[in-house]
């Protein structure tokens, strides 16, 4: 498993403890992570989540909605 895939799985667990599908999480935020948080991907999932939150106004509607749905 690639580091990126493992990171998404961990991010999924942080965002969706009730087990929202990994595909939905990936579909919703992959581009946002690549565009806004690429530099911090290797620093851990909490750092990526913080980056997404810092860039909230620039996120896609789908990613923003997913974060909101999970209390982020």
Protein backbone atom coordinates (compact mmCIF):
# COMPACT_ATOMS: atom_id res chain seq x y z
CA UNK A 1 0.00 0.00 0.00
CA UNK A 2 1.37 3.39 -0.90
CA UNK A 3 1.97 6.05 1.72
CA UNK A 4 -0.73 8.15 0.08
CA UNK A 5 -3.32 5.36 0.25
CA UNK A 6 -2.47 4.71 3.88
CA UNK A 7 -2.82 8.41 4.60
CA UNK A 8 -6.29 8.49 3.06
CA UNK A 9 -7.37 5.51 5.14
CA UNK A 10 -6.19 7.22 8.31
CA UNK A 11 -7.82 10.49 7.24
CA UNK A 12 -11.05 8.58 6.65
CA UNK A 13 -10.93 7.23 10.19
CA UNK A 14 -10.37 10.75 11.56
CA UNK A 15 -13.16 12.29 9.52
CA UNK A 16 -15.67 9.46 9.54
CA UNK A 17 -15.51 7.09 12.47
CA UNK A 18 -18.91 5.76 11.42
CA UNK A 19 -17.15 4.35 8.34
CA UNK A 20 -18.12 6.54 5.43
CA UNK A 21 -16.71 4.84 2.36
CA UNK A 22 -13.09 5.56 1.50
CA UNK A 23 -14.13 6.24 -2.10
CA UNK A 24 -16.42 9.08 -1.05
CA UNK A 25 -13.68 10.69 1.02
CA UNK A 26 -11.15 10.30 -1.77
CA UNK A 27 -13.57 11.65 -4.38
CA UNK A 28 -14.50 14.63 -2.22
CA UNK A 29 -11.07 15.86 -1.14
CA UNK A 30 -8.33 14.37 -3.33
CA UNK A 31 -8.00 17.38 -5.60
CA UNK A 32 -8.18 19.78 -2.68
CA UNK A 33 -5.34 18.00 -0.90
CA UNK A 34 -3.29 17.99 -4.10
CA UNK A 35 -3.95 21.68 -4.78
CA UNK A 36 -3.73 23.17 -1.32
CA UNK A 37 -1.94 20.71 0.96
CA UNK A 38 0.53 18.78 -1.18
CA UNK A 39 3.49 20.19 0.74
CA UNK A 40 2.27 18.71 4.04
CA UNK A 41 1.03 15.28 2.92
CA UNK A 42 4.08 13.53 4.37
CA UNK A 43 3.67 15.24 7.75
CA UNK A 44 0.74 13.18 8.99
CA UNK A 45 -2.99 13.14 8.62
CA UNK A 46 -3.70 15.66 11.38
CA UNK A 47 -1.48 18.14 9.53
CA UNK A 48 -3.34 17.48 6.27
CA UNK A 49 -6.67 17.95 8.04
CA UNK A 50 -5.43 21.21 9.57
CA UNK A 51 -4.31 22.35 6.12
CA UNK A 52 -7.73 21.60 4.66
CA UNK A 53 -9.33 23.60 7.46
CA UNK A 54 -6.93 26.51 6.90
CA UNK A 55 -7.90 26.52 3.23
CA UNK A 56 -11.61 26.15 3.92
CA UNK A 57 -12.66 29.03 1.67
CA UNK A 58 -10.77 27.53 -1.27
CA UNK A 59 -12.04 23.94 -0.99
CA UNK A 60 -14.46 22.31 -3.39
CA UNK A 61 -18.06 22.21 -2.24
CA UNK A 62 -17.90 18.42 -1.92
CA UNK A 63 -14.84 18.45 0.33
CA UNK A 64 -16.18 21.33 2.42
CA UNK A 65 -19.48 19.48 2.82
CA UNK A 66 -17.71 16.29 3.88
CA UNK A 67 -15.67 18.14 6.50
CA UNK A 68 -18.80 19.88 7.78
CA UNK A 69 -20.75 16.63 7.96
CA UNK A 70 -18.05 15.22 10.22
CA UNK A 71 -17.70 18.14 12.56
CA UNK A 72 -14.55 19.56 11.06
